[in-house]
Amino acid sequence: MNKMINKAAVFTLLATMALPALAQDIAVRAGKLHTAPGEMIEDGVVVIEDGTITAVGPADSTEIPEGLLVLESAVATPGLIDARATVGLSGYLNQPHDQDQLERSAAIQPELRAIDAYNPMEELVGWLREHGVTTVHTGHGPGEVISGQMLIAKTTGDTVDEAVVRPYSALAATLGAGATRHDRSSPGNRSKAVAMLREKLYAAQEYVEKLESAEEGKTPARDLAMDALADVLSGEVPLIIEAHRHSDIMTALRLADEFGFRLILAGASDAHLLVDEIKAAGIPVIIHPTMARARAGGDTAHMAFTTAAELKNAGIEVAVQSGFEGYVPKTRVVLFEAAMTLPYGASFDQALEMVTMAPARILGLSDEVGSLEVGKDGDVALFDGDPFEYTTHVTGTVIDGKRVSEIRR
């Protein structure tokens, strides 16, 4: 009898696990439907067919086609976006075999592809999915002058091909104390680190010039590092520079001006000291995890809870990141990070924007995700109350029109 019960339980479990992989047409009905920051519909409906949003509006005037699975919740928002993480390369076990987010053998390694190390079935990816995060910008973390490439993925899929949306979305770099003295004699200080970076960027310029001027059949030998840097110089992908101290932020701005690449500032603990400079440069900021303030020190000593709202109110594009933690569990949940901006000057709409539309715009995804609009991906997060209230739970997650989580978190 026990064996029969066990077999039935296993069969039920396997069937439940397989369910999210099945194509679904879904309608989400919510007491409060936040279609985008600043736009809320009382008793709203979003209809998703073939993975794409086909209708959004009030329940009394939005038709739900027959046969759709209808999910109901107190509140629904666009799927949340983590603007910068290492999840999928860093794993929850915190052991060498699941820590691929940083390679220490050289200071500059732009050729390292995130797609070659990303694990879509990592427990931390599932953890974020269960907390309403539907899109992650993840890859090699801060800690070397150039640590490697990043990618954009949905938090679902059993294989890399199923999960990844952009295989090469940005190149990750670091300025400041975090990029120096890692079991090597060089770079030993800030000046050396920046000199090494500038030297590589100039070498990439020369590489591109040789490619463009080479006669047919006489192109230079393939150089993976130079190819990656060439994409930065052409503007195809941005350079995300982790810089916390005000002087390092200014160095990042100078480098962007010198080489003309697209810059995204990350971390930026001292950004509140350089609001005018950052705004004048038109550079977006992926702010440090707000709750990291409790562990601030060194280059991050001056980070403030108020920075996100201050930058936002100044007209600077700001997103919140989960970032990288050197200890378990290796990731944070951006929903909680955004919530922490509320007591320190941010409004509800600003906090929601920092984890939806702002990262979508910064990452070039605003035509696909970040809001609930017809034609966009069917990514929705469901809640049983105010998303930023501590006692509220995420009750479900929908990605590309598939219910991928029903766990109450």
Protein backbone atom coordinates (compact mmCIF):
# COMPACT_ATOMS: atom_id res chain seq x y z
CA MET A 1 0.00 0.00 0.00
CA ASN A 2 2.80 2.44 0.91
CA LYS A 3 4.58 1.65 -2.36
CA MET A 4 1.41 2.43 -4.29
CA ILE A 5 1.02 5.74 -2.45
CA ASN A 6 4.65 6.63 -3.07
CA LYS A 7 4.35 5.84 -6.78
CA ALA A 8 1.24 7.97 -7.06
CA ALA A 9 2.92 10.84 -5.26
CA VAL A 10 5.93 10.66 -7.54
CA PHE A 11 3.72 10.59 -10.62
CA THR A 12 1.80 13.64 -9.38
CA LEU A 13 5.04 15.48 -8.64
CA LEU A 14 6.48 14.74 -12.07
CA ALA A 15 3.29 15.84 -13.75
CA THR A 16 3.33 19.10 -11.80
CA MET A 17 6.97 19.71 -12.67
CA ALA A 18 6.27 19.16 -16.36
CA LEU A 19 3.25 21.49 -16.42
CA PRO A 20 5.16 24.79 -16.90
CA ALA A 21 6.74 23.46 -20.10
CA LEU A 22 3.33 23.07 -21.74
CA ALA A 23 2.10 25.91 -23.92
CA GLN A 24 -0.72 27.82 -22.23
CA ASP A 25 -3.05 30.64 -23.16
CA ILE A 26 -3.62 32.58 -19.96
CA ALA A 27 -5.64 35.48 -18.64
CA VAL A 28 -4.60 37.19 -15.43
CA ARG A 29 -7.30 39.06 -13.51
CA ALA A 30 -6.15 41.27 -10.66
CA GLY A 31 -7.87 43.59 -8.22
CA LYS A 32 -5.07 46.02 -8.97
CA LEU A 33 -3.30 45.53 -12.29
CA HIS A 34 -0.15 47.63 -12.57
CA THR A 35 0.40 47.59 -16.32
CA ALA A 36 3.40 49.93 -15.98
CA PRO A 37 4.69 52.37 -13.36
CA GLY A 38 2.03 55.05 -12.92
CA GLU A 39 -0.65 53.07 -14.74
CA MET A 40 -2.95 50.94 -12.59
CA ILE A 41 -6.28 49.40 -13.56
CA GLU A 42 -8.81 48.50 -10.85
CA ASP A 43 -10.12 44.99 -11.53
CA GLY A 44 -7.92 44.63 -14.58
CA VAL A 45 -7.27 41.82 -17.04
CA VAL A 46 -4.29 40.92 -19.18
CA VAL A 47 -4.79 38.28 -21.88
CA ILE A 48 -1.80 36.26 -23.11
CA GLU A 49 -1.95 34.05 -26.20
CA ASP A 50 0.97 32.17 -27.77
CA GLY A 51 3.26 33.80 -25.22
CA THR A 52 2.36 37.37 -26.21
CA ILE A 53 0.01 39.88 -24.60
CA THR A 54 -3.04 40.34 -26.83
CA ALA A 55 -5.30 42.45 -24.61
CA VAL A 56 -5.08 44.60 -21.47
CA GLY A 57 -7.87 46.53 -19.79
CA PRO A 58 -10.70 46.64 -17.23
CA ALA A 59 -12.40 43.31 -16.61
CA ASP A 60 -15.84 44.65 -17.54
CA SER A 61 -14.68 45.67 -21.03
CA THR A 62 -11.90 43.20 -21.86
CA GLU A 63 -13.05 39.94 -23.38
CA ILE A 64 -11.38 36.75 -22.20
CA PRO A 65 -11.50 34.17 -25.00
CA GLU A 66 -13.02 30.80 -24.16
CA GLY A 67 -10.70 28.06 -23.02
CA LEU A 68 -8.08 30.28 -21.39
CA LEU A 69 -6.68 29.44 -17.99
CA VAL A 70 -7.71 32.36 -15.74
CA LEU A 71 -5.38 33.23 -12.87
CA GLU A 72 -6.71 35.59 -10.21
CA SER A 73 -4.73 37.66 -7.74
CA ALA A 74 -5.10 40.70 -5.56
CA VAL A 75 -2.29 42.53 -7.38
CA ALA A 76 -0.34 41.88 -10.57
CA THR A 77 2.64 43.67 -12.08
CA PRO A 78 4.92 43.20 -15.07
CA GLY A 79 7.46 40.45 -14.50
CA LEU A 80 10.37 41.83 -12.48
CA ILE A 81 13.78 42.41 -14.08
CA ASP A 82 17.09 41.97 -12.26
CA ALA A 83 19.35 44.49 -14.00
CA ARG A 84 22.64 42.91 -12.91
CA ALA A 85 23.41 39.60 -11.27
CA THR A 86 25.70 36.60 -11.37
CA VAL A 87 22.97 34.02 -10.75
CA GLY A 88 23.29 30.98 -13.01
CA LEU A 89 27.07 31.33 -12.93
CA SER A 90 27.17 31.57 -9.15
CA GLY A 91 25.29 28.78 -7.38
CA TYR A 92 23.66 28.45 -4.00
CA LEU A 93 26.04 25.75 -2.72
CA ASN A 94 28.88 28.29 -2.52
CA GLN A 95 31.40 25.62 -3.50
CA PRO A 96 34.11 25.83 -6.21
CA HIS A 97 32.19 23.63 -8.62
CA ASP A 98 29.25 26.08 -8.84
CA GLN A 99 31.16 29.36 -8.72
CA ASP A 100 31.92 30.41 -12.30
CA GLN A 101 31.24 34.11 -11.98
CA LEU A 102 34.85 35.25 -11.66
CA GLU A 103 38.11 34.00 -13.19
CA ARG A 104 41.18 35.20 -11.32
CA SER A 105 43.99 34.10 -13.63
CA ALA A 106 44.19 37.41 -15.50
CA ALA A 107 43.02 40.97 -14.97
CA ILE A 108 41.46 41.40 -18.43
CA GLN A 109 39.49 38.59 -20.07
CA PRO A 110 36.75 39.97 -22.32
CA GLU A 111 36.63 36.72 -24.28
CA LEU A 112 34.94 34.83 -21.43
CA ARG A 113 31.36 34.13 -22.53
CA ALA A 114 28.61 33.96 -19.94
CA ILE A 115 26.62 31.60 -22.13
CA ASP A 116 29.32 28.93 -21.70
CA ALA A 117 28.86 28.89 -17.93
CA TYR A 118 25.18 29.76 -17.42
CA ASN A 119 23.12 27.06 -15.71
CA PRO A 120 19.37 27.69 -16.22
CA MET A 121 18.51 24.90 -13.77
CA GLU A 122 20.51 26.42 -10.90
CA GLU A 123 18.46 26.58 -7.69
CA LEU A 124 18.99 30.34 -7.40
CA VAL A 125 17.39 30.91 -10.81
CA GLY A 126 14.33 29.07 -9.54
CA TRP A 127 14.41 31.08 -6.31
CA LEU A 128 14.25 34.35 -8.25
CA ARG A 129 11.50 32.98 -10.51
CA GLU A 130 9.41 32.12 -7.46
CA HIS A 131 9.78 35.73 -6.30
CA GLY A 132 8.39 37.21 -9.50
CA VAL A 133 11.69 37.83 -11.31
CA THR A 134 11.15 36.85 -14.94
CA THR A 135 14.23 38.34 -16.64
CA VAL A 136 17.83 38.46 -15.43
CA HIS A 137 20.86 40.27 -16.76
CA THR A 138 23.58 38.01 -15.48
CA GLY A 139 27.08 36.81 -16.13
CA HIS A 140 30.60 37.50 -14.95
CA GLY A 141 30.71 39.55 -11.80
CA PRO A 142 32.75 42.53 -10.65
CA GLY A 143 36.24 41.92 -9.32
CA GLU A 144 38.64 42.19 -12.27
CA VAL A 145 39.42 45.02 -14.67
CA ILE A 146 37.40 43.13 -17.29
CA SER A 147 35.92 39.95 -15.89
CA GLY A 148 33.93 38.75 -18.90
CA GLN A 149 30.65 38.92 -20.77
CA MET A 150 27.05 39.04 -19.60
CA LEU A 151 23.80 37.70 -21.01
CA ILE A 152 20.07 38.24 -20.68
CA ALA A 153 17.84 35.27 -19.88
CA LYS A 154 14.34 34.44 -18.80
CA THR A 155 14.22 32.59 -15.48
CA THR A 156 12.77 29.47 -17.05
CA GLY A 157 13.84 26.79 -19.50
CA ASP A 158 15.76 23.56 -19.04
CA THR A 159 18.53 24.42 -21.49
CA VAL A 160 20.63 27.50 -22.19
CA ASP A 161 19.05 27.85 -25.64
CA GLU A 162 15.57 27.89 -24.11
CA ALA A 163 16.45 30.46 -21.45
CA VAL A 164 18.82 32.93 -23.07
CA VAL A 165 17.40 36.01 -24.80
CA ARG A 166 20.68 37.84 -25.57
CA PRO A 167 23.86 35.71 -25.44
CA TYR A 168 26.17 38.74 -25.29
CA SER A 169 24.45 41.74 -23.73
CA ALA A 170 27.31 43.63 -22.06
CA LEU A 171 30.92 43.44 -20.97
CA ALA A 172 31.61 43.59 -17.23
CA ALA A 173 34.44 45.76 -15.87
CA THR A 174 35.55 47.03 -12.48
CA LEU A 175 37.41 50.12 -11.34
CA GLY A 176 38.71 50.76 -7.85
CA ALA A 177 39.97 48.55 -5.06
CA GLY A 178 37.87 45.63 -6.27
CA ALA A 179 39.99 45.29 -9.41
CA THR A 180 43.45 45.27 -7.81
CA ARG A 181 45.80 42.77 -6.13
CA HIS A 182 44.07 39.43 -6.70
CA ASP A 183 46.92 36.95 -6.21
CA ARG A 184 48.91 38.77 -8.90
CA SER A 185 51.39 41.62 -8.80
CA SER A 186 49.43 43.60 -11.40
CA PRO A 187 47.37 45.66 -11.33
CA GLY A 188 48.52 46.83 -7.94
CA ASN A 189 46.73 50.17 -7.87
CA ARG A 190 44.07 52.26 -9.62
CA SER A 191 46.42 53.91 -12.09
CA LYS A 192 47.75 50.58 -13.30
CA ALA A 193 44.26 49.11 -13.67
CA VAL A 194 43.07 52.04 -15.78
CA ALA A 195 46.26 52.02 -17.86
CA MET A 196 45.74 48.33 -18.63
CA LEU A 197 42.14 48.96 -19.65
CA ARG A 198 43.01 51.90 -21.89
CA GLU A 199 45.81 49.90 -23.51
CA LYS A 200 43.38 47.10 -24.38
CA LEU A 201 40.82 49.52 -25.78
CA TYR A 202 43.44 51.16 -27.99
CA ALA A 203 44.57 47.72 -29.15
CA ALA A 204 40.95 46.91 -30.02
CA GLN A 205 40.70 50.11 -32.06
CA GLU A 206 43.77 49.09 -34.05
CA TYR A 207 42.36 45.56 -34.48
CA VAL A 208 39.14 46.97 -35.93
CA GLU A 209 41.07 49.26 -38.27
CA LYS A 210 43.12 46.33 -39.56
CA LEU A 211 39.97 44.28 -40.15
CA GLU A 212 38.31 47.10 -42.06
CA SER A 213 41.37 47.89 -44.21
CA ALA A 214 42.54 44.33 -44.85
CA GLU A 215 42.52 43.05 -48.38
CA GLU A 216 40.32 40.08 -49.16
CA GLY A 217 41.90 36.89 -47.86
CA LYS A 218 44.43 38.78 -45.71
CA THR A 219 42.44 39.54 -42.58
CA PRO A 220 44.24 39.40 -39.21
CA ALA A 221 44.10 36.22 -37.17
CA ARG A 222 40.96 35.86 -35.09
CA ASP A 223 41.33 37.32 -31.58
CA LEU A 224 38.39 36.52 -29.28
CA ALA A 225 39.30 39.21 -26.75
CA MET A 226 39.58 41.86 -29.44
CA ASP A 227 36.29 40.74 -31.00
CA ALA A 228 34.51 41.26 -27.68
CA LEU A 229 36.07 44.69 -27.19
CA ALA A 230 35.28 45.65 -30.79
CA ASP A 231 31.59 45.12 -30.02
CA VAL A 232 31.94 47.58 -27.13
CA LEU A 233 33.72 50.18 -29.25
CA SER A 234 31.09 49.91 -31.99
CA GLY A 235 28.30 50.47 -29.47
CA GLU A 236 26.77 47.06 -30.11
CA VAL A 237 27.06 46.21 -26.41
CA PRO A 238 27.69 48.50 -23.42
CA LEU A 239 30.56 48.37 -20.96
CA ILE A 240 29.18 47.99 -17.44
CA ILE A 241 31.71 49.46 -15.05
CA GLU A 242 31.44 48.67 -11.37
CA ALA A 243 32.76 51.80 -9.68
CA HIS A 244 31.92 52.95 -6.16
CA ARG A 245 34.30 55.71 -5.10
CA HIS A 246 33.59 59.15 -6.58
CA SER A 247 37.03 59.33 -8.22
CA ASP A 248 36.50 55.95 -9.90
CA ILE A 249 33.10 57.04 -11.18
CA MET A 250 34.73 60.09 -12.73
CA THR A 251 37.36 57.84 -14.32
CA ALA A 252 34.59 55.75 -15.87
CA LEU A 253 32.99 58.89 -17.31
CA ARG A 254 36.33 59.99 -18.78
CA LEU A 255 36.91 56.61 -20.37
CA ALA A 256 33.48 56.67 -22.00
CA ASP A 257 34.18 60.12 -23.36
CA GLU A 258 37.64 59.12 -24.61
CA PHE A 259 36.60 55.95 -26.42
CA GLY A 260 32.96 56.72 -27.17
CA PHE A 261 31.52 53.46 -25.81
CA ARG A 262 28.12 53.06 -24.18
CA LEU A 263 28.66 53.18 -20.42
CA ILE A 264 26.44 51.78 -17.69
CA LEU A 265 27.53 52.58 -14.15
CA ALA A 266 27.03 49.81 -11.63
CA GLY A 267 27.32 49.90 -7.86
CA ALA A 268 28.01 53.64 -7.77
CA SER A 269 27.98 54.06 -3.99
CA ASP A 270 29.18 57.67 -4.28
CA ALA A 271 26.79 58.58 -7.10
CA HIS A 272 24.94 60.96 -4.80
CA LEU A 273 28.11 63.09 -4.75
CA LEU A 274 28.18 63.32 -8.57
CA VAL A 275 24.55 63.77 -9.57
CA ASP A 276 25.25 66.70 -11.91
CA GLU A 277 28.18 64.97 -13.60
CA ILE A 278 26.31 61.71 -14.17
CA LYS A 279 23.24 63.54 -15.48
CA ALA A 280 25.31 65.69 -17.84
CA ALA A 281 26.96 62.56 -19.25
CA GLY A 282 23.55 60.90 -19.80
CA ILE A 283 24.72 57.69 -18.15
CA PRO A 284 22.28 55.21 -16.56
CA VAL A 285 23.02 53.73 -13.15
CA ILE A 286 22.35 50.23 -11.87
CA ILE A 287 22.52 51.08 -8.22
CA HIS A 288 24.09 48.88 -5.55
CA PRO A 289 21.74 46.55 -3.65
CA THR A 290 20.19 48.93 -1.12
CA MET A 291 20.39 46.48 1.76
CA ALA A 292 24.14 46.13 1.19
CA ARG A 293 24.38 49.37 3.22
CA ALA A 294 24.54 47.21 6.35
CA ARG A 295 27.85 45.77 5.13
CA ALA A 296 29.35 48.97 3.69
CA GLY A 297 33.05 49.70 4.01
CA GLY A 298 36.10 50.64 1.96
CA ASP A 299 35.04 51.92 -1.46
CA THR A 300 31.36 51.47 -0.49
CA ALA A 301 31.63 53.35 2.80
CA HIS A 302 29.53 56.27 1.57
CA MET A 303 26.65 54.37 -0.01
CA ALA A 304 23.30 55.72 1.11
CA PHE A 305 19.72 54.47 1.24
CA THR A 306 18.60 57.73 -0.38
CA THR A 307 20.81 57.51 -3.50
CA ALA A 308 18.33 55.69 -5.76
CA ALA A 309 15.58 58.25 -5.20
CA GLU A 310 18.00 61.17 -5.45
CA LEU A 311 19.26 60.01 -8.83
CA LYS A 312 15.76 59.27 -10.06
CA ASN A 313 14.45 62.68 -8.99
CA ALA A 314 17.35 64.29 -10.86
CA GLY A 315 16.21 62.66 -14.09
CA ILE A 316 18.85 59.92 -14.19
CA GLU A 317 17.80 56.45 -15.36
CA VAL A 318 18.12 54.15 -12.34
CA ALA A 319 17.59 50.42 -11.91
CA VAL A 320 18.12 48.23 -8.88
CA GLN A 321 20.35 45.17 -9.04
CA SER A 322 20.72 42.08 -6.91
CA GLY A 323 24.47 42.32 -7.41
CA PHE A 324 27.01 39.79 -6.26
CA GLU A 325 27.57 38.59 -2.74
CA GLY A 326 30.73 36.79 -1.71
CA TYR A 327 28.74 34.70 0.76
CA VAL A 328 25.67 32.45 0.59
CA PRO A 329 23.14 32.78 -1.05
CA LYS A 330 25.01 34.67 -3.79
CA THR A 331 22.01 36.72 -4.85
CA ARG A 332 19.39 39.06 -3.51
CA VAL A 333 15.80 39.57 -4.67
CA VAL A 334 15.31 42.92 -6.41
CA LEU A 335 11.72 43.15 -5.17
CA PHE A 336 13.04 43.60 -1.63
CA GLU A 337 15.82 45.93 -2.78
CA ALA A 338 13.29 48.20 -4.48
CA ALA A 339 11.06 48.12 -1.42
CA MET A 340 13.93 49.48 0.65
CA THR A 341 13.96 52.67 -1.44
CA LEU A 342 10.43 53.58 -0.29
CA PRO A 343 11.28 54.85 3.22
CA TYR A 344 14.12 56.91 1.73
CA GLY A 345 12.43 59.13 -0.81
CA ALA A 346 11.16 56.89 -3.61
CA SER A 347 7.48 56.64 -4.50
CA PHE A 348 5.68 53.38 -5.24
CA ASP A 349 5.81 54.08 -8.98
CA GLN A 350 9.51 54.92 -8.86
CA ALA A 351 10.30 51.73 -6.94
CA LEU A 352 8.30 49.64 -9.41
CA GLU A 353 9.99 51.36 -12.33
CA MET A 354 13.44 50.48 -10.94
CA VAL A 355 12.66 46.77 -11.35
CA THR A 356 10.54 46.87 -14.52
CA MET A 357 10.69 49.64 -17.14
CA ALA A 358 14.01 51.22 -16.10
CA PRO A 359 16.09 48.04 -16.46
CA ALA A 360 14.19 47.21 -19.66
CA ARG A 361 15.22 50.57 -21.14
CA ILE A 362 18.80 50.35 -19.90
CA LEU A 363 19.22 46.87 -21.36
CA GLY A 364 17.47 47.61 -24.64
CA LEU A 365 14.51 45.36 -23.86
CA SER A 366 11.71 47.91 -23.60
CA ASP A 367 9.95 46.59 -26.72
CA GLU A 368 9.72 43.14 -25.15
CA VAL A 369 9.40 43.37 -21.37
CA GLY A 370 9.01 45.83 -18.50
CA SER A 371 5.31 46.65 -18.89
CA LEU A 372 2.03 44.90 -19.66
CA GLU A 373 1.21 46.09 -23.17
CA VAL A 374 -0.20 44.43 -26.26
CA GLY A 375 2.59 42.84 -28.28
CA LYS A 376 5.00 42.40 -25.39
CA ASP A 377 6.07 39.15 -23.75
CA GLY A 378 3.50 37.63 -21.41
CA ASP A 379 5.55 38.03 -18.22
CA VAL A 380 3.51 38.71 -15.08
CA ALA A 381 4.13 38.60 -11.32
CA LEU A 382 1.15 37.89 -9.05
CA PHE A 383 0.83 39.06 -5.43
CA ASP A 384 -1.65 38.79 -2.57
CA GLY A 385 -1.14 42.43 -1.59
CA ASP A 386 1.11 45.46 -2.05
CA PRO A 387 4.25 44.07 -3.73
CA PHE A 388 6.52 46.17 -1.51
CA GLU A 389 4.82 45.34 1.77
CA TYR A 390 6.88 42.95 3.90
CA THR A 391 3.94 40.64 4.67
CA THR A 392 2.89 40.29 1.02
CA HIS A 393 3.59 37.06 -0.85
CA VAL A 394 4.32 36.35 -4.49
CA THR A 395 1.59 33.86 -5.40
CA GLY A 396 2.53 33.05 -8.96
CA THR A 397 4.76 33.85 -11.89
CA VAL A 398 3.97 33.77 -15.60
CA ILE A 399 6.72 33.84 -18.24
CA ASP A 400 5.97 34.00 -21.95
CA GLY A 401 2.40 33.01 -21.21
CA LYS A 402 3.31 29.95 -19.14
CA ARG A 403 2.59 29.56 -15.45
CA VAL A 404 6.06 28.69 -14.18
CA SER A 405 5.46 29.04 -10.45
CA GLU A 406 2.48 28.58 -8.14
CA ILE A 407 4.53 28.62 -4.94
CA ARG A 408 3.54 31.17 -2.31
CA ARG A 409 6.68 33.10 -1.37
